[in-house]
Amino acid sequence: MKNYLKKAICLSMLIGAGLVTTAEAKQQQVQKAVSVLTVQETAIEATFEGYTDKDGYTFVLGDGKKVFFEEVSDEVLKNFDLKSNALKGKKFKVTYTVEENDEGEVYTIVGFEKKDK
């Protein structure tokens, strides 16, 4: 009888731990979904410096600081060839988002507009 009671208690504890883990996992999924919904867009004016496999898409702000983007939306890529040299040195209004993933922050260009100098 004692063995049966011990097994029942152990089984109950394991099931309880599984429910807690499942609840925590669901909460993390909800938090990720909310963060995706609350991604904000930011716009800057910067000069396009170019693209490299190492740094991605590089832009220079008016104060000389550089901004690097790893990703570009398909819509922007349809309209602008950011891997060519033709756009280097040109000024643009760049709209972007920043999202967190397991490796850190990912900067993605979601809007792109050529500015007159």
PDB file of N, CA and C in Angstrom:
ATOM      1  N   MET A   1       0.825  -1.199   0.000  1.00  0.00           N
ATOM      2  CA  MET A   1       0.000   0.000   0.000  1.00  0.00           C
ATOM      3  C   MET A   1       0.864   1.256   0.000  1.00  0.00           C
ATOM      4  N   LYS A   2       1.972   1.228   0.769  1.00  0.00           N
ATOM      5  CA  LYS A   2       2.846   2.407   0.817  1.00  0.00           C
ATOM      6  C   LYS A   2       3.476   2.674  -0.553  1.00  0.00           C
ATOM      7  N   ASN A   3       3.876   1.590  -1.242  1.00  0.00           N
ATOM      8  CA  ASN A   3       4.452   1.757  -2.583  1.00  0.00           C
ATOM      9  C   ASN A   3       3.451   2.387  -3.535  1.00  0.00           C
ATOM     10  N   TYR A   4       2.219   1.928  -3.482  1.00  0.00           N
ATOM     11  CA  TYR A   4       1.168   2.463  -4.336  1.00  0.00           C
ATOM     12  C   TYR A   4       0.971   3.954  -4.059  1.00  0.00           C
ATOM     13  N   LEU A   5       0.956   4.332  -2.786  1.00  0.00           N
ATOM     14  CA  LEU A   5       0.771   5.728  -2.386  1.00  0.00           C
ATOM     15  C   LEU A   5       1.952   6.580  -2.864  1.00  0.00           C
ATOM     16  N   LYS A   6       3.172   6.069  -2.728  1.00  0.00           N
ATOM     17  CA  LYS A   6       4.352   6.804  -3.183  1.00  0.00           C
ATOM     18  C   LYS A   6       4.305   7.010  -4.700  1.00  0.00           C
ATOM     19  N   LYS A   7       3.930   5.970  -5.432  1.00  0.00           N
ATOM     20  CA  LYS A   7       3.834   6.081  -6.889  1.00  0.00           C
ATOM     21  C   LYS A   7       2.770   7.090  -7.290  1.00  0.00           C
ATOM     22  N   ALA A   8       1.645   7.065  -6.588  1.00  0.00           N
ATOM     23  CA  ALA A   8       0.565   8.004  -6.898  1.00  0.00           C
ATOM     24  C   ALA A   8       1.002   9.447  -6.642  1.00  0.00           C
ATOM     25  N   ILE A   9       1.734   9.667  -5.551  1.00  0.00           N
ATOM     26  CA  ILE A   9       2.214  11.012  -5.212  1.00  0.00           C
ATOM     27  C   ILE A   9       3.235  11.478  -6.254  1.00  0.00           C
ATOM     28  N   CYS A  10       4.150  10.581  -6.627  1.00  0.00           N
ATOM     29  CA  CYS A  10       5.160  10.927  -7.638  1.00  0.00           C
ATOM     30  C   CYS A  10       4.496  11.251  -8.979  1.00  0.00           C
ATOM     31  N   LEU A  11       3.537  10.440  -9.369  1.00  0.00           N
ATOM     32  CA  LEU A  11       2.828  10.664 -10.614  1.00  0.00           C
ATOM     33  C   LEU A  11       2.093  12.011 -10.592  1.00  0.00           C
ATOM     34  N   SER A  12       1.457  12.322  -9.485  1.00  0.00           N
ATOM     35  CA  SER A  12       0.753  13.603  -9.337  1.00  0.00           C
ATOM     36  C   SER A  12       1.725  14.778  -9.447  1.00  0.00           C
ATOM     37  N   MET A  13       2.906  14.631  -8.850  1.00  0.00           N
ATOM     38  CA  MET A  13       3.907  15.698  -8.904  1.00  0.00           C
ATOM     39  C   MET A  13       4.403  15.899 -10.337  1.00  0.00           C
ATOM     40  N   LEU A  14       4.623  14.791 -11.052  1.00  0.00           N
ATOM     41  CA  LEU A  14       5.089  14.894 -12.435  1.00  0.00           C
ATOM     42  C   LEU A  14       4.034  15.548 -13.323  1.00  0.00           C
ATOM     43  N   ILE A  15       2.787  15.169 -13.150  1.00  0.00           N
ATOM     44  CA  ILE A  15       1.702  15.763 -13.926  1.00  0.00           C
ATOM     45  C   ILE A  15       1.586  17.254 -13.609  1.00  0.00           C
ATOM     46  N   GLY A  16       1.673  17.600 -12.337  1.00  0.00           N
ATOM     47  CA  GLY A  16       1.607  19.005 -11.918  1.00  0.00           C
ATOM     48  C   GLY A  16       2.739  19.818 -12.519  1.00  0.00           C
ATOM     49  N   ALA A  17       3.954  19.249 -12.530  1.00  0.00           N
ATOM     50  CA  ALA A  17       5.104  19.946 -13.121  1.00  0.00           C
ATOM     51  C   ALA A  17       4.883  20.146 -14.615  1.00  0.00           C
ATOM     52  N   GLY A  18       4.312  19.170 -15.282  1.00  0.00           N
ATOM     53  CA  GLY A  18       4.022  19.281 -16.714  1.00  0.00           C
ATOM     54  C   GLY A  18       3.025  20.372 -17.000  1.00  0.00           C
ATOM     55  N   LEU A  19       2.013  20.503 -16.158  1.00  0.00           N
ATOM     56  CA  LEU A  19       1.014  21.552 -16.346  1.00  0.00           C
ATOM     57  C   LEU A  19       1.615  22.926 -16.154  1.00  0.00           C
ATOM     58  N   VAL A  20       2.508  23.061 -15.151  1.00  0.00           N
ATOM     59  CA  VAL A  20       3.161  24.346 -14.915  1.00  0.00           C
ATOM     60  C   VAL A  20       4.030  24.704 -16.117  1.00  0.00           C
ATOM     61  N   THR A  21       4.796  23.730 -16.617  1.00  0.00           N
ATOM     62  CA  THR A  21       5.648  23.983 -17.768  1.00  0.00           C
ATOM     63  C   THR A  21       4.812  24.359 -18.981  1.00  0.00           C
ATOM     64  N   THR A  22       3.712  23.670 -19.200  1.00  0.00           N
ATOM     65  CA  THR A  22       2.837  23.975 -20.320  1.00  0.00           C
ATOM     66  C   THR A  22       2.260  25.383 -20.182  1.00  0.00           C
ATOM     67  N   ALA A  23       1.856  25.747 -18.978  1.00  0.00           N
ATOM     68  CA  ALA A  23       1.306  27.088 -18.749  1.00  0.00           C
ATOM     69  C   ALA A  23       2.360  28.155 -19.022  1.00  0.00           C
ATOM     70  N   GLU A  24       3.607  27.901 -18.587  1.00  0.00           N
ATOM     71  CA  GLU A  24       4.682  28.864 -18.842  1.00  0.00           C
ATOM     72  C   GLU A  24       4.962  28.986 -20.336  1.00  0.00           C
ATOM     73  N   ALA A  25       4.949  27.877 -21.039  1.00  0.00           N
ATOM     74  CA  ALA A  25       5.192  27.897 -22.483  1.00  0.00           C
ATOM     75  C   ALA A  25       4.095  28.680 -23.197  1.00  0.00           C
ATOM     76  N   LYS A  26       2.848  28.484 -22.798  1.00  0.00           N
ATOM     77  CA  LYS A  26       1.742  29.232 -23.416  1.00  0.00           C
ATOM     78  C   LYS A  26       1.890  30.725 -23.140  1.00  0.00           C
ATOM     79  N   GLN A  27       2.295  31.066 -21.919  1.00  0.00           N
ATOM     80  CA  GLN A  27       2.470  32.475 -21.580  1.00  0.00           C
ATOM     81  C   GLN A  27       3.568  33.093 -22.456  1.00  0.00           C
ATOM     82  N   GLN A  28       4.664  32.371 -22.690  1.00  0.00           N
ATOM     83  CA  GLN A  28       5.735  32.878 -23.549  1.00  0.00           C
ATOM     84  C   GLN A  28       5.240  33.061 -24.979  1.00  0.00           C
ATOM     85  N   GLN A  29       4.415  32.132 -25.455  1.00  0.00           N
ATOM     86  CA  GLN A  29       3.869  32.262 -26.802  1.00  0.00           C
ATOM     87  C   GLN A  29       2.989  33.499 -26.917  1.00  0.00           C
ATOM     88  N   VAL A  30       2.184  33.754 -25.895  1.00  0.00           N
ATOM     89  CA  VAL A  30       1.316  34.933 -25.895  1.00  0.00           C
ATOM     90  C   VAL A  30       2.169  36.198 -25.882  1.00  0.00           C
ATOM     91  N   GLN A  31       3.233  36.218 -25.067  1.00  0.00           N
ATOM     92  CA  GLN A  31       4.097  37.401 -25.004  1.00  0.00           C
ATOM     93  C   GLN A  31       4.758  37.665 -26.353  1.00  0.00           C
ATOM     94  N   LYS A  32       5.206  36.606 -27.042  1.00  0.00           N
ATOM     95  CA  LYS A  32       5.809  36.783 -28.358  1.00  0.00           C
ATOM     96  C   LYS A  32       4.786  37.328 -29.353  1.00  0.00           C
ATOM     97  N   ALA A  33       3.564  36.808 -29.293  1.00  0.00           N
ATOM     98  CA  ALA A  33       2.517  37.271 -30.203  1.00  0.00           C
ATOM     99  C   ALA A  33       2.209  38.741 -29.960  1.00  0.00           C
ATOM    100  N   VAL A  34       2.155  39.144 -28.705  1.00  0.00           N
ATOM    101  CA  VAL A  34       1.883  40.543 -28.364  1.00  0.00           C
ATOM    102  C   VAL A  34       3.027  41.422 -28.843  1.00  0.00           C
ATOM    103  N   SER A  35       4.276  40.958 -28.676  1.00  0.00           N
ATOM    104  CA  SER A  35       5.405  41.778 -29.108  1.00  0.00           C
ATOM    105  C   SER A  35       5.403  41.958 -30.622  1.00  0.00           C
ATOM    106  N   VAL A  36       4.984  40.947 -31.367  1.00  0.00           N
ATOM    107  CA  VAL A  36       4.889  41.078 -32.816  1.00  0.00           C
ATOM    108  C   VAL A  36       3.837  42.115 -33.185  1.00  0.00           C
ATOM    109  N   LEU A  37       2.748  42.130 -32.446  1.00  0.00           N
ATOM    110  CA  LEU A  37       1.680  43.073 -32.724  1.00  0.00           C
ATOM    111  C   LEU A  37       2.069  44.501 -32.386  1.00  0.00           C
ATOM    112  N   THR A  38       3.018  44.672 -31.461  1.00  0.00           N
ATOM    113  CA  THR A  38       3.379  46.007 -31.009  1.00  0.00           C
ATOM    114  C   THR A  38       4.698  46.504 -31.605  1.00  0.00           C
ATOM    115  N   VAL A  39       5.186  45.861 -32.664  1.00  0.00           N
ATOM    116  CA  VAL A  39       6.413  46.317 -33.311  1.00  0.00           C
ATOM    117  C   VAL A  39       6.166  47.703 -33.886  1.00  0.00           C
ATOM    118  N   GLN A  40       7.038  48.619 -33.526  1.00  0.00           N
ATOM    119  CA  GLN A  40       6.878  49.992 -33.985  1.00  0.00           C
ATOM    120  C   GLN A  40       7.844  50.289 -35.119  1.00  0.00           C
ATOM    121  N   GLU A  41       7.392  51.118 -36.017  1.00  0.00           N
ATOM    122  CA  GLU A  41       8.243  51.550 -37.108  1.00  0.00           C
ATOM    123  C   GLU A  41       8.914  52.870 -36.741  1.00  0.00           C
ATOM    124  N   THR A  42      10.171  52.998 -37.147  1.00  0.00           N
ATOM    125  CA  THR A  42      10.947  54.207 -36.915  1.00  0.00           C
ATOM    126  C   THR A  42      11.490  54.669 -38.257  1.00  0.00           C
ATOM    127  N   ALA A  43      11.558  55.978 -38.462  1.00  0.00           N
ATOM    128  CA  ALA A  43      12.073  56.509 -39.725  1.00  0.00           C
ATOM    129  C   ALA A  43      13.286  57.390 -39.460  1.00  0.00           C
ATOM    130  N   ILE A  44      14.267  57.275 -40.362  1.00  0.00           N
ATOM    131  CA  ILE A  44      15.464  58.113 -40.305  1.00  0.00           C
ATOM    132  C   ILE A  44      15.779  58.599 -41.716  1.00  0.00           C
ATOM    133  N   GLU A  45      16.577  59.658 -41.805  1.00  0.00           N
ATOM    134  CA  GLU A  45      17.139  60.072 -43.087  1.00  0.00           C
ATOM    135  C   GLU A  45      18.618  59.771 -43.023  1.00  0.00           C
ATOM    136  N   ALA A  46      19.096  59.021 -44.026  1.00  0.00           N
ATOM    137  CA  ALA A  46      20.494  58.613 -44.018  1.00  0.00           C
ATOM    138  C   ALA A  46      20.982  58.386 -45.441  1.00  0.00           C
ATOM    139  N   THR A  47      22.301  58.384 -45.579  1.00  0.00           N
ATOM    140  CA  THR A  47      22.942  58.156 -46.872  1.00  0.00           C
ATOM    141  C   THR A  47      23.341  56.687 -46.988  1.00  0.00           C
ATOM    142  N   PHE A  48      22.989  56.087 -48.108  1.00  0.00           N
ATOM    143  CA  PHE A  48      23.286  54.677 -48.321  1.00  0.00           C
ATOM    144  C   PHE A  48      24.774  54.496 -48.604  1.00  0.00           C
ATOM    145  N   GLU A  49      25.423  53.651 -47.815  1.00  0.00           N
ATOM    146  CA  GLU A  49      26.851  53.399 -47.992  1.00  0.00           C
ATOM    147  C   GLU A  49      27.106  52.117 -48.787  1.00  0.00           C
ATOM    148  N   GLY A  50      26.179  51.168 -48.716  1.00  0.00           N
ATOM    149  CA  GLY A  50      26.364  49.954 -49.490  1.00  0.00           C
ATOM    150  C   GLY A  50      25.951  48.700 -48.746  1.00  0.00           C
ATOM    151  N   TYR A  51      26.216  47.570 -49.381  1.00  0.00           N
ATOM    152  CA  TYR A  51      25.864  46.264 -48.834  1.00  0.00           C
ATOM    153  C   TYR A  51      27.104  45.366 -48.805  1.00  0.00           C
ATOM    154  N   THR A  52      27.265  44.639 -47.701  1.00  0.00           N
ATOM    155  CA  THR A  52      28.280  43.581 -47.620  1.00  0.00           C
ATOM    156  C   THR A  52      27.644  42.386 -46.921  1.00  0.00           C
ATOM    157  N   ASP A  53      28.153  41.200 -47.238  1.00  0.00           N
ATOM    158  CA  ASP A  53      27.645  39.993 -46.576  1.00  0.00           C
ATOM    159  C   ASP A  53      27.874  40.056 -45.067  1.00  0.00           C
ATOM    160  N   LYS A  54      28.954  40.685 -44.655  1.00  0.00           N
ATOM    161  CA  LYS A  54      29.303  40.756 -43.229  1.00  0.00           C
ATOM    162  C   LYS A  54      28.391  41.703 -42.455  1.00  0.00           C
ATOM    163  N   ASP A  55      28.222  42.928 -42.960  1.00  0.00           N
ATOM    164  CA  ASP A  55      27.498  43.972 -42.224  1.00  0.00           C
ATOM    165  C   ASP A  55      26.044  44.149 -42.656  1.00  0.00           C
ATOM    166  N   GLY A  56      25.679  43.649 -43.805  1.00  0.00           N
ATOM    167  CA  GLY A  56      24.332  43.880 -44.320  1.00  0.00           C
ATOM    168  C   GLY A  56      24.275  45.215 -45.031  1.00  0.00           C
ATOM    169  N   TYR A  57      23.167  45.912 -44.858  1.00  0.00           N
ATOM    170  CA  TYR A  57      22.919  47.189 -45.530  1.00  0.00           C
ATOM    171  C   TYR A  57      23.351  48.312 -44.591  1.00  0.00           C
ATOM    172  N   THR A  58      24.283  49.146 -45.037  1.00  0.00           N
ATOM    173  CA  THR A  58      24.859  50.183 -44.182  1.00  0.00           C
ATOM    174  C   THR A  58      24.426  51.568 -44.643  1.00  0.00           C
ATOM    175  N   PHE A  59      24.005  52.378 -43.669  1.00  0.00           N
ATOM    176  CA  PHE A  59      23.609  53.763 -43.909  1.00  0.00           C
ATOM    177  C   PHE A  59      24.377  54.660 -42.952  1.00  0.00           C
ATOM    178  N   VAL A  60      24.635  55.901 -43.381  1.00  0.00           N
ATOM    179  CA  VAL A  60      25.339  56.866 -42.548  1.00  0.00           C
ATOM    180  C   VAL A  60      24.384  58.007 -42.225  1.00  0.00           C
ATOM    181  N   LEU A  61      24.242  58.291 -40.932  1.00  0.00           N
ATOM    182  CA  LEU A  61      23.400  59.399 -40.469  1.00  0.00           C
ATOM    183  C   LEU A  61      24.132  60.720 -40.663  1.00  0.00           C
ATOM    184  N   GLY A  62      23.423  61.814 -40.486  1.00  0.00           N
ATOM    185  CA  GLY A  62      24.005  63.147 -40.650  1.00  0.00           C
ATOM    186  C   GLY A  62      25.170  63.425 -39.728  1.00  0.00           C
ATOM    187  N   ASP A  63      25.180  62.795 -38.552  1.00  0.00           N
ATOM    188  CA  ASP A  63      26.266  63.020 -37.592  1.00  0.00           C
ATOM    189  C   ASP A  63      27.436  62.061 -37.796  1.00  0.00           C
ATOM    190  N   GLY A  64      27.372  61.247 -38.865  1.00  0.00           N
ATOM    191  CA  GLY A  64      28.464  60.332 -39.172  1.00  0.00           C
ATOM    192  C   GLY A  64      28.324  58.928 -38.600  1.00  0.00           C
ATOM    193  N   LYS A  65      27.354  58.731 -37.728  1.00  0.00           N
ATOM    194  CA  LYS A  65      27.145  57.393 -37.156  1.00  0.00           C
ATOM    195  C   LYS A  65      26.560  56.469 -38.213  1.00  0.00           C
ATOM    196  N   LYS A  66      26.946  55.200 -38.129  1.00  0.00           N
ATOM    197  CA  LYS A  66      26.460  54.214 -39.090  1.00  0.00           C
ATOM    198  C   LYS A  66      25.345  53.374 -38.484  1.00  0.00           C
ATOM    199  N   VAL A  67      24.404  53.010 -39.362  1.00  0.00           N
ATOM    200  CA  VAL A  67      23.293  52.142 -38.977  1.00  0.00           C
ATOM    201  C   VAL A  67      23.326  50.942 -39.913  1.00  0.00           C
ATOM    202  N   PHE A  68      23.191  49.755 -39.332  1.00  0.00           N
ATOM    203  CA  PHE A  68      23.258  48.522 -40.106  1.00  0.00           C
ATOM    204  C   PHE A  68      21.912  47.801 -40.071  1.00  0.00           C
ATOM    205  N   PHE A  69      21.480  47.329 -41.222  1.00  0.00           N
ATOM    206  CA  PHE A  69      20.224  46.588 -41.328  1.00  0.00           C
ATOM    207  C   PHE A  69      20.514  45.194 -41.875  1.00  0.00           C
ATOM    208  N   GLU A  70      19.957  44.186 -41.201  1.00  0.00           N
ATOM    209  CA  GLU A  70      20.179  42.807 -41.634  1.00  0.00           C
ATOM    210  C   GLU A  70      19.150  42.359 -42.662  1.00  0.00           C
ATOM    211  N   GLU A  71      17.944  42.881 -42.562  1.00  0.00           N
ATOM    212  CA  GLU A  71      16.840  42.414 -43.392  1.00  0.00           C
ATOM    213  C   GLU A  71      16.197  43.581 -44.138  1.00  0.00           C
ATOM    214  N   VAL A  72      15.579  43.267 -45.293  1.00  0.00           N
ATOM    215  CA  VAL A  72      14.830  44.250 -46.077  1.00  0.00           C
ATOM    216  C   VAL A  72      13.551  43.570 -46.540  1.00  0.00           C
ATOM    217  N   SER A  73      12.430  44.274 -46.418  1.00  0.00           N
ATOM    218  CA  SER A  73      11.154  43.689 -46.836  1.00  0.00           C
ATOM    219  C   SER A  73      11.148  43.428 -48.343  1.00  0.00           C
ATOM    220  N   ASP A  74      10.351  42.457 -48.747  1.00  0.00           N
ATOM    221  CA  ASP A  74      10.228  42.128 -50.174  1.00  0.00           C
ATOM    222  C   ASP A  74       9.732  43.328 -50.977  1.00  0.00           C
ATOM    223  N   GLU A  75       8.834  44.104 -50.395  1.00  0.00           N
ATOM    224  CA  GLU A  75       8.278  45.278 -51.083  1.00  0.00           C
ATOM    225  C   GLU A  75       9.378  46.283 -51.426  1.00  0.00           C
ATOM    226  N   VAL A  76      10.286  46.529 -50.489  1.00  0.00           N
ATOM    227  CA  VAL A  76      11.393  47.459 -50.750  1.00  0.00           C
ATOM    228  C   VAL A  76      12.315  46.886 -51.820  1.00  0.00           C
ATOM    229  N   LEU A  77      12.620  45.591 -51.714  1.00  0.00           N
ATOM    230  CA  LEU A  77      13.527  44.970 -52.683  1.00  0.00           C
ATOM    231  C   LEU A  77      12.951  44.937 -54.093  1.00  0.00           C
ATOM    232  N   LYS A  78      11.616  44.947 -54.215  1.00  0.00           N
ATOM    233  CA  LYS A  78      10.990  45.002 -55.545  1.00  0.00           C
ATOM    234  C   LYS A  78      11.303  46.324 -56.245  1.00  0.00           C
ATOM    235  N   ASN A  79      11.433  47.390 -55.449  1.00  0.00           N
ATOM    236  CA  ASN A  79      11.593  48.731 -56.006  1.00  0.00           C
ATOM    237  C   ASN A  79      13.032  49.249 -56.017  1.00  0.00           C
ATOM    238  N   PHE A  80      13.896  48.682 -55.196  1.00  0.00           N
ATOM    239  CA  PHE A  80      15.270  49.179 -55.070  1.00  0.00           C
ATOM    240  C   PHE A  80      16.250  48.009 -55.012  1.00  0.00           C
ATOM    241  N   ASP A  81      17.281  48.074 -55.842  1.00  0.00           N
ATOM    242  CA  ASP A  81      18.341  47.065 -55.810  1.00  0.00           C
ATOM    243  C   ASP A  81      19.428  47.558 -54.859  1.00  0.00           C
ATOM    244  N   LEU A  82      19.304  47.188 -53.613  1.00  0.00           N
ATOM    245  CA  LEU A  82      20.224  47.689 -52.591  1.00  0.00           C
ATOM    246  C   LEU A  82      21.580  46.989 -52.603  1.00  0.00           C
ATOM    247  N   LYS A  83      21.741  46.002 -53.442  1.00  0.00           N
ATOM    248  CA  LYS A  83      23.042  45.330 -53.534  1.00  0.00           C
ATOM    249  C   LYS A  83      23.885  45.874 -54.687  1.00  0.00           C
ATOM    250  N   SER A  84      23.305  46.777 -55.468  1.00  0.00           N
ATOM    251  CA  SER A  84      24.070  47.371 -56.573  1.00  0.00           C
ATOM    252  C   SER A  84      24.782  48.626 -56.070  1.00  0.00           C
ATOM    253  N   ASN A  85      25.725  49.094 -56.861  1.00  0.00           N
ATOM    254  CA  ASN A  85      26.455  50.319 -56.500  1.00  0.00           C
ATOM    255  C   ASN A  85      25.719  51.587 -56.910  1.00  0.00           C
ATOM    256  N   ALA A  86      24.642  51.446 -57.655  1.00  0.00           N
ATOM    257  CA  ALA A  86      23.942  52.618 -58.213  1.00  0.00           C
ATOM    258  C   ALA A  86      23.365  53.542 -57.143  1.00  0.00           C
ATOM    259  N   LEU A  87      23.024  53.010 -55.996  1.00  0.00           N
ATOM    260  CA  LEU A  87      22.385  53.825 -54.954  1.00  0.00           C
ATOM    261  C   LEU A  87      23.365  54.337 -53.888  1.00  0.00           C
ATOM    262  N   LYS A  88      24.620  53.943 -53.978  1.00  0.00           N
ATOM    263  CA  LYS A  88      25.617  54.404 -52.998  1.00  0.00           C
ATOM    264  C   LYS A  88      25.734  55.922 -53.037  1.00  0.00           C
ATOM    265  N   GLY A  89      25.798  56.519 -51.859  1.00  0.00           N
ATOM    266  CA  GLY A  89      25.952  57.965 -51.754  1.00  0.00           C
ATOM    267  C   GLY A  89      24.653  58.745 -51.863  1.00  0.00           C
ATOM    268  N   LYS A  90      23.546  58.069 -52.106  1.00  0.00           N
ATOM    269  CA  LYS A  90      22.239  58.732 -52.225  1.00  0.00           C
ATOM    270  C   LYS A  90      21.574  58.775 -50.844  1.00  0.00           C
ATOM    271  N   LYS A  91      20.775  59.828 -50.652  1.00  0.00           N
ATOM    272  CA  LYS A  91      20.096  60.026 -49.375  1.00  0.00           C
ATOM    273  C   LYS A  91      18.680  59.459 -49.445  1.00  0.00           C
ATOM    274  N   PHE A  92      18.262  58.773 -48.369  1.00  0.00           N
ATOM    275  CA  PHE A  92      16.962  58.127 -48.319  1.00  0.00           C
ATOM    276  C   PHE A  92      16.277  58.344 -46.975  1.00  0.00           C
ATOM    277  N   LYS A  93      14.973  58.276 -47.012  1.00  0.00           N
ATOM    278  CA  LYS A  93      14.192  58.140 -45.790  1.00  0.00           C
ATOM    279  C   LYS A  93      14.005  56.637 -45.615  1.00  0.00           C
ATOM    280  N   VAL A  94      14.517  56.098 -44.519  1.00  0.00           N
ATOM    281  CA  VAL A  94      14.472  54.665 -44.252  1.00  0.00           C
ATOM    282  C   VAL A  94      13.527  54.420 -43.081  1.00  0.00           C
ATOM    283  N   THR A  95      12.505  53.628 -43.316  1.00  0.00           N
ATOM    284  CA  THR A  95      11.589  53.231 -42.254  1.00  0.00           C
ATOM    285  C   THR A  95      11.929  51.793 -41.896  1.00  0.00           C
ATOM    286  N   TYR A  96      12.056  51.542 -40.588  1.00  0.00           N
ATOM    287  CA  TYR A  96      12.495  50.216 -40.166  1.00  0.00           C
ATOM    288  C   TYR A  96      11.828  49.777 -38.872  1.00  0.00           C
ATOM    289  N   THR A  97      11.954  48.482 -38.621  1.00  0.00           N
ATOM    290  CA  THR A  97      11.483  47.903 -37.359  1.00  0.00           C
ATOM    291  C   THR A  97      12.659  47.216 -36.680  1.00  0.00           C
ATOM    292  N   VAL A  98      12.523  47.041 -35.375  1.00  0.00           N
ATOM    293  CA  VAL A  98      13.520  46.298 -34.599  1.00  0.00           C
ATOM    294  C   VAL A  98      12.774  45.215 -33.842  1.00  0.00           C
ATOM    295  N   GLU A  99      13.181  43.982 -34.068  1.00  0.00           N
ATOM    296  CA  GLU A  99      12.554  42.859 -33.378  1.00  0.00           C
ATOM    297  C   GLU A  99      13.616  42.043 -32.665  1.00  0.00           C
ATOM    298  N   GLU A 100      13.247  41.505 -31.526  1.00  0.00           N
ATOM    299  CA  GLU A 100      14.146  40.647 -30.751  1.00  0.00           C
ATOM    300  C   GLU A 100      13.967  39.197 -31.176  1.00  0.00           C
ATOM    301  N   ASN A 101      15.078  38.480 -31.279  1.00  0.00           N
ATOM    302  CA  ASN A 101      15.010  37.036 -31.448  1.00  0.00           C
ATOM    303  C   ASN A 101      16.042  36.404 -30.522  1.00  0.00           C
ATOM    304  N   ASP A 102      16.265  35.133 -30.645  1.00  0.00           N
ATOM    305  CA  ASP A 102      17.190  34.439 -29.749  1.00  0.00           C
ATOM    306  C   ASP A 102      18.623  34.949 -29.862  1.00  0.00           C
ATOM    307  N   GLU A 103      18.975  35.526 -31.006  1.00  0.00           N
ATOM    308  CA  GLU A 103      20.339  35.985 -31.229  1.00  0.00           C
ATOM    309  C   GLU A 103      20.531  37.477 -30.950  1.00  0.00           C
ATOM    310  N   GLY A 104      19.459  38.197 -30.664  1.00  0.00           N
ATOM    311  CA  GLY A 104      19.554  39.630 -30.395  1.00  0.00           C
ATOM    312  C   GLY A 104      18.509  40.405 -31.173  1.00  0.00           C
ATOM    313  N   GLU A 105      18.842  41.651 -31.500  1.00  0.00           N
ATOM    314  CA  GLU A 105      17.912  42.505 -32.230  1.00  0.00           C
ATOM    315  C   GLU A 105      18.148  42.390 -33.737  1.00  0.00           C
ATOM    316  N   VAL A 106      17.046  42.383 -34.483  1.00  0.00           N
ATOM    317  CA  VAL A 106      17.117  42.345 -35.942  1.00  0.00           C
ATOM    318  C   VAL A 106      16.481  43.623 -36.476  1.00  0.00           C
ATOM    319  N   TYR A 107      17.265  44.395 -37.225  1.00  0.00           N
ATOM    320  CA  TYR A 107      16.791  45.631 -37.831  1.00  0.00           C
ATOM    321  C   TYR A 107      16.344  45.311 -39.260  1.00  0.00           C
ATOM    322  N   THR A 108      15.075  45.635 -39.574  1.00  0.00           N
ATOM    323  CA  THR A 108      14.513  45.321 -40.880  1.00  0.00           C
ATOM    324  C   THR A 108      13.983  46.585 -41.551  1.00  0.00           C
ATOM    325  N   ILE A 109      14.431  46.842 -42.772  1.00  0.00           N
ATOM    326  CA  ILE A 109      13.919  47.982 -43.543  1.00  0.00           C
ATOM    327  C   ILE A 109      12.554  47.599 -44.098  1.00  0.00           C
ATOM    328  N   VAL A 110      11.545  48.413 -43.779  1.00  0.00           N
ATOM    329  CA  VAL A 110      10.180  48.134 -44.252  1.00  0.00           C
ATOM    330  C   VAL A 110       9.656  49.231 -45.178  1.00  0.00           C
ATOM    331  N   GLY A 111      10.348  50.355 -45.243  1.00  0.00           N
ATOM    332  CA  GLY A 111       9.970  51.449 -46.121  1.00  0.00           C
ATOM    333  C   GLY A 111      11.215  52.171 -46.596  1.00  0.00           C
ATOM    334  N   PHE A 112      11.181  52.670 -47.829  1.00  0.00           N
ATOM    335  CA  PHE A 112      12.379  53.251 -48.420  1.00  0.00           C
ATOM    336  C   PHE A 112      11.965  54.307 -49.433  1.00  0.00           C
ATOM    337  N   GLU A 113      12.472  55.523 -49.261  1.00  0.00           N
ATOM    338  CA  GLU A 113      12.073  56.620 -50.137  1.00  0.00           C
ATOM    339  C   GLU A 113      13.269  57.496 -50.448  1.00  0.00           C
ATOM    340  N   LYS A 114      13.547  57.724 -51.716  1.00  0.00           N
ATOM    341  CA  LYS A 114      14.671  58.562 -52.109  1.00  0.00           C
ATOM    342  C   LYS A 114      14.377  60.016 -51.764  1.00  0.00           C
ATOM    343  N   LYS A 115      15.360  60.691 -51.196  1.00  0.00           N
ATOM    344  CA  LYS A 115      15.236  62.104 -50.827  1.00  0.00           C
ATOM    345  C   LYS A 115      16.063  62.949 -51.784  1.00  0.00           C
ATOM    346  N   ASP A 116      15.586  64.138 -52.056  1.00  0.00           N
ATOM    347  CA  ASP A 116      16.362  65.082 -52.876  1.00  0.00           C
ATOM    348  C   ASP A 116      17.399  65.733 -51.994  1.00  0.00           C
ATOM    349  N   LYS A 117      18.587  65.933 -52.528  1.00  0.00           N
ATOM    350  CA  LYS A 117      19.653  66.564 -51.742  1.00  0.00           C
ATOM    351  C   LYS A 117      19.511  68.047 -51.717  1.00  0.00           C
TER     352      LYS A 117
END
